[in-house]
Amino acid sequence: MFKQFGTLARIGILLFVTLVCVMTAVVVGSLINLWYSSAAGIDYQQTASTPTFVRIYQIVTSSIMFIVPAWLCAMMFHNNVKEGFCINRSLKIKPLFFSLAAMAAALPLAEFLTAVNSHLSLPESMSGIEEWMRIQENRAKAITENILVTDNFGTYLINIIVMALVPAIGEELYFRATLQNTIARSINPIWAAVITAVLFSTFHLQFYGFLPRLLLGFLLGYMLVCTQNIIVPVAAHFFNNFVAITANYFTGNEIQIDKNQSVVTFIPIAVISTAAVATLLYLLWKNRCPEKKEIKKQDFITEN
């Protein structure tokens, strides 16, 4: 029955399933918090500053919020999970190489966008909202730094799983394989990638990282459009997070942009980065996989 649903109906179902999963994640997260605080003998409100708890919490809640709804929608909307997750096409080496190279080439451009983002501010009438966003971002940053700061190689490997592998799999299955492909049923796939990138960046509720995350989201969406294989954006997403975690491990500091530094200083490297990314995206497009078979006519009839 669900296979015949149109785009709007599918998005509605996805939102409903997501809401249920988010509520479930909140309940399960609270139970984990109670269990861990009791087992560790610490106060319920102190667990957020405990790296081990945050890692367990991150894996469980992320899986419930992203992987579960993506899996449920793949079961409802497609013939099988492989088709729903976009892993029913063979993985080509050249597109994968161009995708990873594009992600690496985009790192300086992302730094430029981070610098631009750091100088942006909301209108005076929204100062209260901006202050709230700043507090939330600082809180998230403190938790992240508490997890990342380590000189133990074993903990570093665990961080890669928790902060690189799990988010890469969960977020790509949800945002790209499920949401983007659903939107792309009715509009141009590239525009679907843009819309999904905006939603992806907005979801993180980090205003001062909105622009670089928007770039990341679009690149990942573009990769899926070209390769029709979710493994490629998952690998690129993992690579992006892996670089940040590894840089932190070897330097002991999170990669940060000095807010007092002029954006102009980033322009030369940003121009070079943009040119490199554009070239690699062109090569990726030239080596793209054949389009999926056209949506059946009755799908449009059902939707309209």
Protein backbone atom coordinates (compact mmCIF):
# COMPACT_ATOMS: atom_id res chain seq x y z
CA MET A 1 0.00 0.00 0.00
CA PHE A 2 2.70 2.49 1.00
CA LYS A 3 4.63 1.85 -2.22
CA GLN A 4 1.92 3.66 -4.18
CA PHE A 5 2.01 6.78 -2.00
CA GLY A 6 3.14 10.07 -3.56
CA THR A 7 5.86 12.40 -2.36
CA LEU A 8 3.82 14.48 0.09
CA ALA A 9 2.25 11.40 1.65
CA ARG A 10 5.67 9.79 2.07
CA ILE A 11 7.12 12.94 3.66
CA GLY A 12 4.17 13.02 6.05
CA ILE A 13 4.75 9.40 7.02
CA LEU A 14 8.47 10.05 7.44
CA LEU A 15 7.79 13.03 9.73
CA PHE A 16 5.35 10.99 11.82
CA VAL A 17 7.76 8.06 12.14
CA THR A 18 10.58 10.49 12.97
CA LEU A 19 8.52 12.15 15.71
CA VAL A 20 7.73 8.80 17.28
CA CYS A 21 11.40 7.77 17.11
CA VAL A 22 12.59 11.06 18.62
CA MET A 23 10.14 10.67 21.52
CA THR A 24 11.33 7.09 21.96
CA ALA A 25 14.96 8.25 21.93
CA VAL A 26 14.20 10.82 24.65
CA VAL A 27 12.63 8.16 26.87
CA VAL A 28 15.38 5.62 26.24
CA GLY A 29 18.02 8.32 26.78
CA SER A 30 16.48 9.22 30.13
CA LEU A 31 16.45 5.57 31.18
CA ILE A 32 20.11 5.23 30.19
CA ASN A 33 20.87 8.36 32.20
CA LEU A 34 19.16 6.92 35.28
CA TRP A 35 20.93 3.58 34.86
CA TYR A 36 24.36 5.11 34.35
CA SER A 37 24.09 7.63 37.19
CA SER A 38 23.01 4.83 39.54
CA ALA A 39 25.75 2.44 38.38
CA ALA A 40 28.46 5.12 38.54
CA GLY A 41 27.19 6.60 41.79
CA ILE A 42 26.93 10.13 40.45
CA ASP A 43 24.15 12.69 40.26
CA TYR A 44 21.66 12.44 37.38
CA GLN A 45 22.66 15.89 36.10
CA GLN A 46 26.40 15.16 36.12
CA THR A 47 26.32 12.44 33.49
CA ALA A 48 26.57 14.95 30.60
CA SER A 49 30.13 15.69 31.69
CA THR A 50 31.06 11.99 31.72
CA PRO A 51 32.60 10.94 28.37
CA THR A 52 31.64 7.27 28.68
CA PHE A 53 27.98 8.10 29.27
CA VAL A 54 27.88 10.60 26.39
CA ARG A 55 29.35 8.01 24.02
CA ILE A 56 26.75 5.39 25.01
CA TYR A 57 23.96 7.98 24.85
CA GLN A 58 25.11 9.19 21.42
CA ILE A 59 25.19 5.71 19.87
CA VAL A 60 21.81 4.62 21.20
CA THR A 61 19.82 7.82 20.60
CA SER A 62 21.35 8.46 17.16
CA SER A 63 20.47 4.95 16.07
CA ILE A 64 16.87 5.37 17.23
CA MET A 65 16.41 8.83 15.69
CA PHE A 66 18.07 8.19 12.32
CA ILE A 67 18.59 4.53 11.48
CA VAL A 68 15.23 3.23 12.77
CA PRO A 69 12.99 5.68 10.82
CA ALA A 70 15.12 5.23 7.70
CA TRP A 71 14.79 1.45 7.98
CA LEU A 72 11.04 1.62 8.59
CA CYS A 73 10.50 3.89 5.57
CA ALA A 74 12.70 1.66 3.41
CA MET A 75 10.48 -1.27 4.36
CA MET A 76 7.27 0.66 3.65
CA PHE A 77 8.20 2.55 0.48
CA HIS A 78 10.42 0.11 -1.40
CA ASN A 79 10.63 -3.51 -2.42
CA ASN A 80 13.52 -4.14 -0.06
CA VAL A 81 15.91 -2.43 2.33
CA LYS A 82 18.75 -2.43 -0.20
CA GLU A 83 16.69 -0.35 -2.62
CA GLY A 84 15.44 1.94 0.16
CA PHE A 85 18.97 2.51 1.44
CA CYS A 86 20.43 2.97 -2.08
CA ILE A 87 22.88 0.11 -1.76
CA ASN A 88 21.50 -1.96 -4.64
CA ARG A 89 24.01 -0.54 -7.15
CA SER A 90 27.62 -1.63 -7.48
CA LEU A 91 30.23 0.68 -6.01
CA LYS A 92 32.48 2.29 -8.64
CA ILE A 93 36.02 3.24 -7.66
CA LYS A 94 36.36 6.43 -9.74
CA PRO A 95 33.21 8.17 -8.38
CA LEU A 96 34.22 7.17 -4.85
CA PHE A 97 37.70 8.63 -5.39
CA PHE A 98 36.35 11.90 -6.82
CA SER A 99 33.89 12.16 -3.91
CA LEU A 100 36.53 11.70 -1.21
CA ALA A 101 38.89 14.06 -3.04
CA ALA A 102 36.12 16.68 -3.26
CA MET A 103 35.47 16.36 0.47
CA ALA A 104 39.17 16.84 1.20
CA ALA A 105 39.42 19.78 -1.21
CA ALA A 106 36.39 21.39 0.46
CA LEU A 107 38.02 21.60 3.90
CA PRO A 108 39.61 25.04 3.30
CA LEU A 109 36.34 26.31 1.82
CA ALA A 110 34.52 25.05 4.91
CA GLU A 111 36.97 26.99 7.09
CA PHE A 112 36.24 30.12 5.06
CA LEU A 113 32.50 29.63 5.50
CA THR A 114 33.04 29.05 9.22
CA ALA A 115 34.86 32.38 9.40
CA VAL A 116 32.04 34.09 7.53
CA ASN A 117 29.47 32.43 9.77
CA SER A 118 31.28 33.57 12.91
CA HIS A 119 30.86 37.22 11.86
CA LEU A 120 27.13 36.90 11.21
CA SER A 121 24.53 37.97 13.74
CA LEU A 122 20.77 38.08 13.93
CA PRO A 123 18.82 41.38 13.98
CA GLU A 124 18.54 43.22 17.29
CA SER A 125 14.91 42.12 17.59
CA MET A 126 16.12 38.50 17.69
CA SER A 127 18.91 39.04 20.21
CA GLY A 128 17.22 36.71 22.69
CA ILE A 129 17.16 33.89 20.15
CA GLU A 130 20.78 34.54 19.22
CA GLU A 131 21.83 34.39 22.88
CA TRP A 132 19.95 31.11 23.31
CA MET A 133 21.68 29.67 20.23
CA ARG A 134 25.06 30.81 21.52
CA ILE A 135 24.44 29.14 24.89
CA GLN A 136 23.32 25.90 23.24
CA GLU A 137 26.30 25.91 20.90
CA ASN A 138 28.76 26.52 23.74
CA ARG A 139 27.14 23.72 25.72
CA ALA A 140 27.38 21.30 22.79
CA LYS A 141 30.98 22.40 22.19
CA ALA A 142 31.91 21.75 25.83
CA ILE A 143 30.43 18.23 25.70
CA THR A 144 32.23 17.48 22.43
CA GLU A 145 35.57 18.72 23.75
CA ASN A 146 35.11 16.63 26.89
CA ILE A 147 34.77 13.54 24.70
CA LEU A 148 37.59 14.34 22.29
CA VAL A 149 40.32 15.34 24.72
CA THR A 150 42.34 12.17 25.22
CA ASP A 151 45.89 10.86 24.82
CA ASN A 152 44.71 7.23 24.80
CA PHE A 153 44.78 5.57 21.39
CA GLY A 154 42.04 3.13 22.33
CA THR A 155 39.74 5.99 23.31
CA TYR A 156 40.63 7.72 20.05
CA LEU A 157 39.43 4.66 18.12
CA ILE A 158 36.21 4.61 20.16
CA ASN A 159 35.70 8.30 19.35
CA ILE A 160 36.03 7.50 15.66
CA ILE A 161 33.21 4.97 15.97
CA VAL A 162 30.99 7.23 18.09
CA MET A 163 31.59 10.58 16.40
CA ALA A 164 32.49 9.60 12.84
CA LEU A 165 31.10 6.20 11.89
CA VAL A 166 27.74 6.22 13.69
CA PRO A 167 26.74 9.77 12.60
CA ALA A 168 27.90 9.08 9.04
CA ILE A 169 25.74 5.96 8.73
CA GLY A 170 22.69 7.26 10.58
CA GLU A 171 22.51 10.76 9.10
CA GLU A 172 23.17 9.64 5.55
CA LEU A 173 20.56 6.90 5.70
CA TYR A 174 18.02 9.38 7.02
CA PHE A 175 18.79 12.64 5.22
CA ARG A 176 20.17 11.42 1.90
CA ALA A 177 18.84 7.90 1.26
CA THR A 178 15.40 8.58 2.75
CA LEU A 179 14.54 12.30 2.83
CA GLN A 180 16.45 13.50 -0.24
CA ASN A 181 15.33 10.61 -2.43
CA THR A 182 11.74 11.16 -1.33
CA ILE A 183 11.88 14.86 -2.24
CA ALA A 184 13.60 14.01 -5.54
CA ARG A 185 10.55 12.07 -6.65
CA SER A 186 8.84 15.39 -7.49
CA ILE A 187 11.64 17.86 -8.26
CA ASN A 188 15.09 17.97 -9.86
CA PRO A 189 17.50 15.76 -7.84
CA ILE A 190 20.02 18.60 -7.48
CA TRP A 191 17.36 20.87 -5.96
CA ALA A 192 16.38 18.00 -3.70
CA ALA A 193 20.00 17.86 -2.55
CA VAL A 194 19.94 21.62 -1.84
CA ILE A 195 16.69 21.46 0.15
CA THR A 196 17.92 18.46 2.12
CA ALA A 197 21.21 20.24 2.84
CA VAL A 198 19.30 23.19 4.31
CA LEU A 199 17.21 20.86 6.48
CA PHE A 200 20.32 18.89 7.44
CA SER A 201 22.16 22.01 8.60
CA THR A 202 19.09 23.44 10.34
CA PHE A 203 18.49 20.19 12.23
CA HIS A 204 21.82 20.50 14.07
CA LEU A 205 20.62 23.76 15.71
CA GLN A 206 24.09 25.30 15.50
CA PHE A 207 23.71 28.72 13.89
CA TYR A 208 27.45 29.45 13.91
CA GLY A 209 28.17 26.29 11.96
CA PHE A 210 25.23 26.58 9.56
CA LEU A 211 27.13 27.59 6.40
CA PRO A 212 29.94 24.98 6.50
CA ARG A 213 27.41 22.28 7.40
CA LEU A 214 25.23 23.47 4.51
CA LEU A 215 28.20 22.98 2.18
CA LEU A 216 28.84 19.53 3.63
CA GLY A 217 25.19 18.57 3.20
CA PHE A 218 25.07 19.67 -0.41
CA LEU A 219 28.27 17.83 -1.34
CA LEU A 220 26.95 14.64 0.25
CA GLY A 221 23.63 15.02 -1.53
CA TYR A 222 25.35 15.68 -4.85
CA MET A 223 27.43 12.55 -4.37
CA LEU A 224 24.30 10.47 -3.93
CA VAL A 225 22.73 12.00 -7.05
CA CYS A 226 25.78 11.08 -9.10
CA THR A 227 26.54 7.63 -7.68
CA GLN A 228 23.08 6.41 -6.61
CA ASN A 229 24.91 4.54 -3.85
CA ILE A 230 24.63 5.64 -0.21
CA ILE A 231 28.01 4.10 0.59
CA VAL A 232 29.72 7.03 -1.16
CA PRO A 233 28.22 9.87 0.95
CA VAL A 234 28.60 7.69 4.06
CA ALA A 235 32.32 7.29 3.28
CA ALA A 236 32.70 11.03 2.58
CA HIS A 237 30.81 11.99 5.75
CA PHE A 238 32.96 9.58 7.76
CA PHE A 239 36.11 11.03 6.18
CA ASN A 240 35.11 14.59 7.11
CA ASN A 241 34.49 13.67 10.76
CA PHE A 242 37.54 11.42 10.88
CA VAL A 243 39.82 14.30 9.85
CA ALA A 244 38.47 16.54 12.63
CA ILE A 245 38.79 13.81 15.29
CA THR A 246 42.28 12.82 14.16
CA ALA A 247 43.48 16.43 14.05
CA ASN A 248 42.18 16.89 17.58
CA TYR A 249 43.90 13.72 18.77
CA PHE A 250 47.33 14.66 17.43
CA THR A 251 47.19 18.38 18.24
CA GLY A 252 45.12 18.24 21.41
CA ASN A 253 42.96 21.08 20.18
CA GLU A 254 39.74 21.27 18.22
CA ILE A 255 40.10 23.04 14.88
CA GLN A 256 38.74 26.53 15.53
CA ILE A 257 38.47 29.81 13.69
CA ASP A 258 39.63 32.97 15.43
CA LYS A 259 36.60 35.26 15.43
CA ASN A 260 38.90 38.28 15.45
CA GLN A 261 40.62 37.17 12.27
CA SER A 262 39.47 38.92 9.12
CA VAL A 263 37.50 36.88 6.61
CA VAL A 264 39.65 38.42 3.86
CA THR A 265 42.64 36.34 4.96
CA PHE A 266 40.76 33.17 4.02
CA ILE A 267 39.77 34.32 0.52
CA PRO A 268 42.85 33.11 -1.47
CA ILE A 269 42.73 29.58 -0.11
CA ALA A 270 38.92 29.58 -0.41
CA VAL A 271 39.17 30.46 -4.11
CA ILE A 272 41.64 27.63 -4.72
CA SER A 273 39.47 25.25 -2.71
CA THR A 274 36.34 26.25 -4.64
CA ALA A 275 38.07 25.69 -7.98
CA ALA A 276 39.32 22.27 -6.89
CA VAL A 277 35.90 21.24 -5.57
CA ALA A 278 34.14 22.44 -8.73
CA THR A 279 36.57 20.45 -10.90
CA LEU A 280 36.09 17.29 -8.87
CA LEU A 281 32.30 17.67 -8.87
CA TYR A 282 32.41 18.05 -12.67
CA LEU A 283 34.47 14.85 -12.95
CA LEU A 284 32.04 13.13 -10.61
CA TRP A 285 29.13 14.23 -12.78
CA LYS A 286 30.88 12.97 -15.93
CA ASN A 287 31.33 9.59 -14.26
CA ARG A 288 27.86 9.47 -12.71
CA CYS A 289 25.79 6.30 -12.67
CA PRO A 290 22.80 5.94 -15.00
CA GLU A 291 19.59 7.48 -13.70
CA LYS A 292 17.17 5.29 -11.82
CA LYS A 293 14.26 3.99 -13.79
CA GLU A 294 11.49 6.54 -14.08
CA ILE A 295 8.81 6.68 -11.42
CA LYS A 296 5.70 4.90 -12.54
CA LYS A 297 2.92 7.03 -13.88
CA GLN A 298 0.50 5.90 -11.19
CA ASP A 299 2.79 7.40 -8.53
CA PHE A 300 2.11 10.86 -9.96
CA ILE A 301 -1.57 10.08 -10.24
CA THR A 302 -1.64 9.01 -6.60
CA GLU A 303 0.19 12.14 -5.52
CA ASN A 304 -1.97 14.54 -7.52
